[in-house]
C-alpha cells in the first residue's frame, strides 16, 4: 500500500513538471513530450539546409530517441518558426528531419535553420535510484 501511494505521489509530481499534450478531446490519456537540445549541422550555402535525422543521430549518438513524435524547426538568427518564413521545404517531419533546398525557393536561398525533436519522456521508477525500504 505504501509503495503504491509512493508511486502515485511520484507520478503526480512528475506530471506537474512536464509538458502535457492531450491526445484527443474525450481521451483522458496524457502523453508526455520531452524535447531534445537544438541541432544545427548544416548551413544553406551549398544546395540548402539539410538537418536529416539519420545524420544528426550519427553525429550525436544517444541524444535523439528512436521514434521522435514531433519536430520544431526555427531560424538560427531570430528563432522564427520555419512555417512562418514563407519558404518551401522538401522534408519536414519527425521521422526524417528537415530539408530546405535552395532550388525550391522563389527568390534567394534557404535561411539557416536548427531543429529539435519531441520524444516520449521516460518515466523513472521512484525507487530506481535510491532504492525503497
N, C-alpha and C. Protein backbone atom coordinates (compact mmCIF):
# COMPACT_ATOMS: atom_id res chain seq x y z
N UNK A 1 0.82 -1.20 0.00
CA UNK A 1 0.00 0.00 0.00
C UNK A 1 0.87 1.26 0.00
N UNK A 2 1.90 1.26 0.85
CA UNK A 2 2.78 2.43 0.92
C UNK A 2 3.53 2.61 -0.40
N UNK A 3 3.97 1.48 -1.00
CA UNK A 3 4.68 1.57 -2.28
C UNK A 3 3.76 2.13 -3.36
N UNK A 4 2.50 1.68 -3.39
CA UNK A 4 1.54 2.17 -4.36
C UNK A 4 1.30 3.67 -4.16
N UNK A 5 1.17 4.08 -2.92
CA UNK A 5 0.99 5.50 -2.62
C UNK A 5 2.21 6.31 -3.05
N UNK A 6 3.41 5.77 -2.83
CA UNK A 6 4.64 6.45 -3.26
C UNK A 6 4.67 6.64 -4.76
N UNK A 7 4.27 5.60 -5.49
CA UNK A 7 4.24 5.68 -6.95
C UNK A 7 3.23 6.73 -7.40
N UNK A 8 2.07 6.77 -6.76
CA UNK A 8 1.04 7.74 -7.12
C UNK A 8 1.52 9.17 -6.86
N UNK A 9 2.17 9.40 -5.74
CA UNK A 9 2.68 10.73 -5.42
C UNK A 9 3.76 11.13 -6.42
N UNK A 10 4.68 10.19 -6.71
CA UNK A 10 5.75 10.47 -7.67
C UNK A 10 5.16 10.80 -9.04
N UNK A 11 4.18 10.01 -9.50
CA UNK A 11 3.58 10.24 -10.82
C UNK A 11 2.93 11.62 -10.87
N UNK A 12 2.25 12.01 -9.81
CA UNK A 12 1.62 13.33 -9.77
C UNK A 12 2.66 14.45 -9.87
N UNK A 13 3.72 14.34 -9.09
CA UNK A 13 4.78 15.35 -9.14
C UNK A 13 5.47 15.36 -10.50
N UNK A 14 5.70 14.19 -11.06
CA UNK A 14 6.34 14.08 -12.37
C UNK A 14 5.49 14.73 -13.44
N UNK A 15 4.18 14.48 -13.42
CA UNK A 15 3.29 15.04 -14.43
C UNK A 15 3.20 16.56 -14.30
N UNK A 16 3.28 17.08 -13.08
CA UNK A 16 3.21 18.52 -12.89
C UNK A 16 4.42 19.24 -13.48
N UNK A 17 5.55 18.54 -13.61
CA UNK A 17 6.77 19.21 -14.07
C UNK A 17 7.07 18.99 -15.54
N UNK A 18 6.18 18.37 -16.29
CA UNK A 18 6.41 18.11 -17.71
C UNK A 18 5.26 18.64 -18.55
N UNK A 19 5.56 18.88 -19.80
CA UNK A 19 4.55 19.38 -20.74
C UNK A 19 3.51 18.29 -20.96
N UNK A 20 2.24 18.65 -20.94
CA UNK A 20 1.17 17.69 -21.17
C UNK A 20 0.51 17.99 -22.50
N UNK A 21 0.31 16.94 -23.27
CA UNK A 21 -0.35 17.10 -24.56
C UNK A 21 -1.52 16.13 -24.61
N UNK A 22 -2.77 16.63 -24.65
CA UNK A 22 -3.90 15.73 -24.74
C UNK A 22 -3.93 15.03 -26.10
N UNK A 23 -4.32 13.78 -26.10
CA UNK A 23 -4.41 13.00 -27.32
C UNK A 23 -5.65 13.39 -28.12
N UNK A 24 -6.76 13.54 -27.45
CA UNK A 24 -8.00 13.90 -28.12
C UNK A 24 -8.95 14.53 -27.12
N UNK A 25 -10.05 15.10 -27.60
CA UNK A 25 -10.95 15.83 -26.71
C UNK A 25 -11.63 14.96 -25.66
N UNK A 26 -11.86 13.68 -25.94
CA UNK A 26 -12.53 12.82 -24.98
C UNK A 26 -11.60 11.80 -24.36
N UNK A 27 -10.35 11.79 -24.75
CA UNK A 27 -9.39 10.82 -24.25
C UNK A 27 -8.69 11.37 -23.02
N UNK A 28 -8.84 10.70 -21.86
CA UNK A 28 -8.21 11.21 -20.64
C UNK A 28 -6.71 10.92 -20.57
N UNK A 29 -6.17 10.18 -21.53
CA UNK A 29 -4.76 9.81 -21.51
C UNK A 29 -3.90 11.05 -21.78
N UNK A 30 -2.83 11.20 -21.04
CA UNK A 30 -1.90 12.30 -21.22
C UNK A 30 -0.61 11.73 -21.78
N UNK A 31 -0.11 12.32 -22.85
CA UNK A 31 1.15 11.87 -23.44
C UNK A 31 2.19 12.94 -23.14
N UNK A 32 3.31 12.53 -22.55
CA UNK A 32 4.36 13.47 -22.20
C UNK A 32 5.37 13.58 -23.32
N UNK A 33 5.79 14.79 -23.62
CA UNK A 33 6.79 15.02 -24.65
C UNK A 33 7.97 15.75 -24.03
N UNK A 34 9.15 15.20 -24.21
CA UNK A 34 10.38 15.84 -23.76
C UNK A 34 11.17 16.24 -25.00
N UNK A 35 11.72 17.45 -25.00
CA UNK A 35 12.40 17.98 -26.18
C UNK A 35 13.90 17.83 -26.07
N UNK A 36 14.53 17.49 -27.18
CA UNK A 36 15.98 17.40 -27.25
C UNK A 36 16.58 18.81 -27.25
N UNK A 37 17.89 18.86 -27.21
CA UNK A 37 18.59 20.12 -27.46
C UNK A 37 18.38 20.49 -28.92
N UNK A 38 18.75 21.71 -29.28
CA UNK A 38 18.70 22.15 -30.67
C UNK A 38 19.90 21.60 -31.43
N UNK A 39 19.69 21.23 -32.70
CA UNK A 39 20.76 20.75 -33.57
C UNK A 39 20.82 21.63 -34.81
N UNK A 40 22.04 21.96 -35.21
CA UNK A 40 22.26 22.76 -36.43
C UNK A 40 23.53 22.23 -37.08
N UNK A 41 23.39 21.23 -37.94
CA UNK A 41 24.56 20.56 -38.53
C UNK A 41 24.94 21.12 -39.89
N UNK A 42 24.08 21.90 -40.50
CA UNK A 42 24.33 22.36 -41.86
C UNK A 42 23.98 23.84 -41.97
N UNK A 43 24.45 24.45 -43.04
CA UNK A 43 24.01 25.81 -43.36
C UNK A 43 23.62 25.82 -44.84
N UNK A 44 22.87 26.81 -45.27
CA UNK A 44 22.30 26.77 -46.62
C UNK A 44 23.24 27.18 -47.76
N UNK A 45 24.52 27.29 -47.50
CA UNK A 45 25.43 27.80 -48.54
C UNK A 45 25.60 26.86 -49.73
N UNK A 46 25.39 25.57 -49.55
CA UNK A 46 25.50 24.62 -50.67
C UNK A 46 24.18 24.51 -51.40
N UNK A 47 23.59 23.31 -51.34
CA UNK A 47 22.31 23.08 -52.02
C UNK A 47 21.11 23.43 -51.15
N UNK A 48 21.37 23.74 -49.88
CA UNK A 48 20.29 24.07 -48.95
C UNK A 48 20.69 23.72 -47.54
N UNK A 49 19.71 23.71 -46.65
CA UNK A 49 19.95 23.38 -45.24
C UNK A 49 19.40 21.98 -44.98
N UNK A 50 20.29 21.03 -44.71
CA UNK A 50 19.94 19.61 -44.54
C UNK A 50 20.14 19.23 -43.07
N UNK A 51 19.04 19.05 -42.37
CA UNK A 51 19.05 18.65 -40.96
C UNK A 51 18.34 17.30 -40.86
N UNK A 52 18.94 16.28 -41.47
CA UNK A 52 18.32 14.96 -41.52
C UNK A 52 18.54 14.18 -40.23
N UNK A 53 17.50 13.49 -39.78
CA UNK A 53 17.55 12.71 -38.55
C UNK A 53 18.69 11.69 -38.58
N UNK A 54 18.85 10.99 -39.70
CA UNK A 54 19.89 9.94 -39.77
C UNK A 54 21.29 10.54 -39.58
N UNK A 55 21.53 11.71 -40.14
CA UNK A 55 22.84 12.37 -39.98
C UNK A 55 23.02 12.91 -38.56
N UNK A 56 21.97 13.49 -38.02
CA UNK A 56 22.03 14.03 -36.66
C UNK A 56 22.28 12.92 -35.64
N UNK A 57 21.68 11.75 -35.86
CA UNK A 57 21.91 10.62 -34.96
C UNK A 57 23.37 10.16 -35.01
N UNK A 58 23.94 10.11 -36.21
CA UNK A 58 25.35 9.70 -36.35
C UNK A 58 26.27 10.67 -35.62
N UNK A 59 25.98 11.96 -35.73
CA UNK A 59 26.84 12.99 -35.13
C UNK A 59 26.56 13.22 -33.65
N UNK A 60 25.42 12.75 -33.16
CA UNK A 60 25.01 12.96 -31.77
C UNK A 60 24.45 11.67 -31.18
N UNK A 61 25.29 10.63 -31.06
CA UNK A 61 24.78 9.33 -30.61
C UNK A 61 24.13 9.41 -29.22
N UNK A 62 22.95 8.78 -29.13
CA UNK A 62 22.23 8.72 -27.86
C UNK A 62 21.49 9.99 -27.49
N UNK A 63 21.51 11.00 -28.32
CA UNK A 63 20.87 12.28 -27.99
C UNK A 63 19.44 12.42 -28.53
N UNK A 64 19.05 11.52 -29.44
CA UNK A 64 17.72 11.59 -30.05
C UNK A 64 17.06 10.23 -29.90
N UNK A 65 15.82 10.21 -29.44
CA UNK A 65 15.11 8.95 -29.21
C UNK A 65 14.93 8.17 -30.52
N UNK A 66 14.55 6.92 -30.36
CA UNK A 66 14.39 6.05 -31.53
C UNK A 66 13.21 6.47 -32.40
N UNK A 67 12.12 6.90 -31.77
CA UNK A 67 10.91 7.25 -32.52
C UNK A 67 10.41 8.64 -32.13
N UNK A 68 10.98 9.71 -32.69
CA UNK A 68 10.51 11.05 -32.36
C UNK A 68 9.04 11.24 -32.75
N UNK A 69 8.33 12.00 -31.94
CA UNK A 69 6.90 12.26 -32.17
C UNK A 69 6.67 13.58 -32.90
N UNK A 70 7.54 14.56 -32.65
CA UNK A 70 7.35 15.92 -33.17
C UNK A 70 8.71 16.52 -33.52
N UNK A 71 8.68 17.59 -34.32
CA UNK A 71 9.86 18.41 -34.52
C UNK A 71 9.49 19.87 -34.40
N UNK A 72 10.45 20.67 -33.98
CA UNK A 72 10.35 22.13 -34.03
C UNK A 72 11.54 22.58 -34.86
N UNK A 73 11.28 23.45 -35.81
CA UNK A 73 12.34 23.99 -36.67
C UNK A 73 12.21 25.51 -36.65
N UNK A 74 13.32 26.18 -36.34
CA UNK A 74 13.35 27.64 -36.28
C UNK A 74 14.61 28.15 -36.97
N UNK A 75 14.58 29.43 -37.33
CA UNK A 75 15.78 30.05 -37.90
C UNK A 75 16.82 30.22 -36.79
N UNK A 76 18.08 30.12 -37.16
CA UNK A 76 19.14 30.22 -36.15
C UNK A 76 19.34 31.65 -35.65
N UNK A 77 19.01 32.63 -36.47
CA UNK A 77 19.28 34.02 -36.06
C UNK A 77 18.18 34.64 -35.22
N UNK A 78 16.92 34.41 -35.58
CA UNK A 78 15.81 35.09 -34.87
C UNK A 78 14.83 34.13 -34.19
N UNK A 79 15.09 32.82 -34.29
CA UNK A 79 14.20 31.81 -33.71
C UNK A 79 12.78 31.88 -34.31
N UNK A 80 12.68 32.35 -35.54
CA UNK A 80 11.40 32.39 -36.23
C UNK A 80 11.01 30.97 -36.63
N UNK A 81 9.80 30.52 -36.30
CA UNK A 81 9.38 29.18 -36.73
C UNK A 81 9.48 29.04 -38.25
N UNK A 82 9.98 27.91 -38.70
CA UNK A 82 10.17 27.68 -40.13
C UNK A 82 8.88 27.91 -40.91
N UNK A 83 7.76 27.47 -40.36
CA UNK A 83 6.49 27.61 -41.08
C UNK A 83 6.06 29.06 -41.24
N UNK A 84 6.70 29.97 -40.51
CA UNK A 84 6.36 31.40 -40.62
C UNK A 84 7.28 32.16 -41.56
N UNK A 85 8.24 31.49 -42.19
CA UNK A 85 9.21 32.18 -43.04
C UNK A 85 8.75 32.36 -44.48
N UNK A 86 7.74 31.60 -44.90
CA UNK A 86 7.30 31.66 -46.29
C UNK A 86 8.15 30.83 -47.23
N UNK A 87 9.11 30.10 -46.70
CA UNK A 87 9.95 29.26 -47.55
C UNK A 87 9.29 27.90 -47.79
N UNK A 88 9.75 27.23 -48.85
CA UNK A 88 9.25 25.92 -49.22
C UNK A 88 10.21 24.86 -48.69
N UNK A 89 9.67 23.77 -48.12
CA UNK A 89 10.51 22.74 -47.53
C UNK A 89 10.32 21.41 -48.25
N UNK A 90 11.42 20.73 -48.46
CA UNK A 90 11.42 19.44 -49.15
C UNK A 90 11.06 18.31 -48.18
N UNK A 91 11.60 18.36 -46.97
CA UNK A 91 11.28 17.38 -45.91
C UNK A 91 11.03 18.17 -44.62
N UNK A 92 9.97 17.79 -43.92
CA UNK A 92 9.64 18.45 -42.65
C UNK A 92 8.79 17.48 -41.84
N UNK A 93 9.41 16.51 -41.19
CA UNK A 93 8.67 15.54 -40.38
C UNK A 93 9.59 14.90 -39.35
N UNK A 94 9.02 14.33 -38.28
CA UNK A 94 9.85 13.78 -37.20
C UNK A 94 10.56 12.48 -37.55
N UNK A 95 10.15 11.79 -38.60
CA UNK A 95 10.81 10.52 -38.93
C UNK A 95 12.02 10.70 -39.83
N UNK A 96 12.08 11.81 -40.57
CA UNK A 96 13.21 12.07 -41.46
C UNK A 96 14.02 13.30 -41.05
N UNK A 97 13.36 14.28 -40.47
CA UNK A 97 14.03 15.52 -40.11
C UNK A 97 13.55 16.67 -40.97
N UNK A 98 14.51 17.48 -41.43
CA UNK A 98 14.15 18.72 -42.12
C UNK A 98 15.13 19.00 -43.25
N UNK A 99 14.60 19.39 -44.41
CA UNK A 99 15.43 19.82 -45.54
C UNK A 99 14.78 21.01 -46.21
N UNK A 100 15.57 22.07 -46.37
CA UNK A 100 15.17 23.23 -47.17
C UNK A 100 16.15 23.28 -48.33
N UNK A 101 15.65 23.10 -49.57
CA UNK A 101 16.52 23.13 -50.74
C UNK A 101 16.48 24.52 -51.37
N UNK A 102 17.65 25.04 -51.69
CA UNK A 102 17.73 26.37 -52.31
C UNK A 102 16.96 26.43 -53.62
N UNK A 103 17.00 25.36 -54.40
CA UNK A 103 16.34 25.37 -55.71
C UNK A 103 14.82 25.45 -55.62
N UNK A 104 14.24 25.17 -54.45
CA UNK A 104 12.79 25.21 -54.28
C UNK A 104 12.28 26.60 -53.88
N UNK A 105 13.19 27.54 -53.61
CA UNK A 105 12.79 28.87 -53.14
C UNK A 105 12.51 29.79 -54.32
N UNK A 106 11.50 30.64 -54.18
CA UNK A 106 11.15 31.59 -55.24
C UNK A 106 12.25 32.61 -55.47
N UNK A 107 12.84 33.08 -54.40
CA UNK A 107 13.95 34.02 -54.52
C UNK A 107 14.92 33.75 -53.38
N UNK A 108 16.12 34.17 -53.55
CA UNK A 108 17.17 33.97 -52.55
C UNK A 108 17.43 32.49 -52.28
N UNK A 109 17.99 32.22 -51.12
CA UNK A 109 18.28 30.86 -50.73
C UNK A 109 17.61 30.58 -49.39
N UNK A 110 17.69 29.35 -48.95
CA UNK A 110 17.12 28.98 -47.66
C UNK A 110 17.78 29.77 -46.54
N UNK A 111 17.03 30.01 -45.51
CA UNK A 111 17.61 30.57 -44.29
C UNK A 111 18.32 29.44 -43.55
N UNK A 112 19.09 29.77 -42.54
CA UNK A 112 19.77 28.76 -41.73
C UNK A 112 18.82 28.35 -40.61
N UNK A 113 18.56 27.05 -40.51
CA UNK A 113 17.61 26.53 -39.54
C UNK A 113 18.28 25.62 -38.53
N UNK A 114 17.62 25.49 -37.38
CA UNK A 114 18.01 24.48 -36.40
C UNK A 114 16.76 23.70 -36.03
N UNK A 115 16.97 22.49 -35.52
CA UNK A 115 15.86 21.56 -35.29
C UNK A 115 15.99 20.93 -33.91
N UNK A 116 14.84 20.59 -33.34
CA UNK A 116 14.82 19.78 -32.12
C UNK A 116 13.69 18.78 -32.25
N UNK A 117 13.81 17.68 -31.53
CA UNK A 117 12.86 16.58 -31.64
C UNK A 117 12.10 16.41 -30.34
N UNK A 118 10.79 16.16 -30.46
CA UNK A 118 9.96 15.84 -29.31
C UNK A 118 9.85 14.34 -29.18
N UNK A 119 10.27 13.83 -28.04
CA UNK A 119 10.31 12.39 -27.81
C UNK A 119 9.44 12.02 -26.62
N UNK A 120 9.00 10.76 -26.55
CA UNK A 120 8.29 10.32 -25.35
C UNK A 120 9.22 10.45 -24.15
N UNK A 121 8.70 10.99 -23.06
CA UNK A 121 9.51 11.10 -21.84
C UNK A 121 9.66 9.72 -21.22
N UNK A 122 10.77 9.51 -20.57
CA UNK A 122 11.00 8.24 -19.87
C UNK A 122 10.52 8.40 -18.43
N UNK A 123 9.63 7.52 -18.01
CA UNK A 123 9.15 7.53 -16.63
C UNK A 123 10.09 6.66 -15.81
N UNK A 124 10.67 7.23 -14.78
CA UNK A 124 11.62 6.52 -13.94
C UNK A 124 10.91 6.09 -12.67
N UNK A 125 11.11 4.84 -12.28
CA UNK A 125 10.52 4.35 -11.03
C UNK A 125 11.08 5.17 -9.87
N UNK A 126 10.26 5.54 -8.90
CA UNK A 126 10.73 6.38 -7.80
C UNK A 126 11.80 5.69 -6.95
N UNK A 127 11.83 4.38 -6.92
CA UNK A 127 12.81 3.67 -6.10
C UNK A 127 14.02 3.23 -6.93
N UNK A 128 14.02 3.56 -8.20
CA UNK A 128 15.07 3.08 -9.09
C UNK A 128 16.46 3.58 -8.76
N UNK A 129 16.59 4.79 -8.24
CA UNK A 129 17.90 5.37 -7.99
C UNK A 129 18.38 5.10 -6.57
N UNK A 130 17.54 5.36 -5.59
CA UNK A 130 17.97 5.23 -4.20
C UNK A 130 17.49 3.95 -3.53
N UNK A 131 16.56 3.25 -4.14
CA UNK A 131 16.04 2.03 -3.54
C UNK A 131 14.95 2.33 -2.54
N UNK A 132 14.05 1.38 -2.36
CA UNK A 132 12.95 1.53 -1.42
C UNK A 132 13.20 0.64 -0.20
N UNK A 133 12.79 1.11 0.95
CA UNK A 133 12.96 0.28 2.17
C UNK A 133 12.05 -0.93 2.15
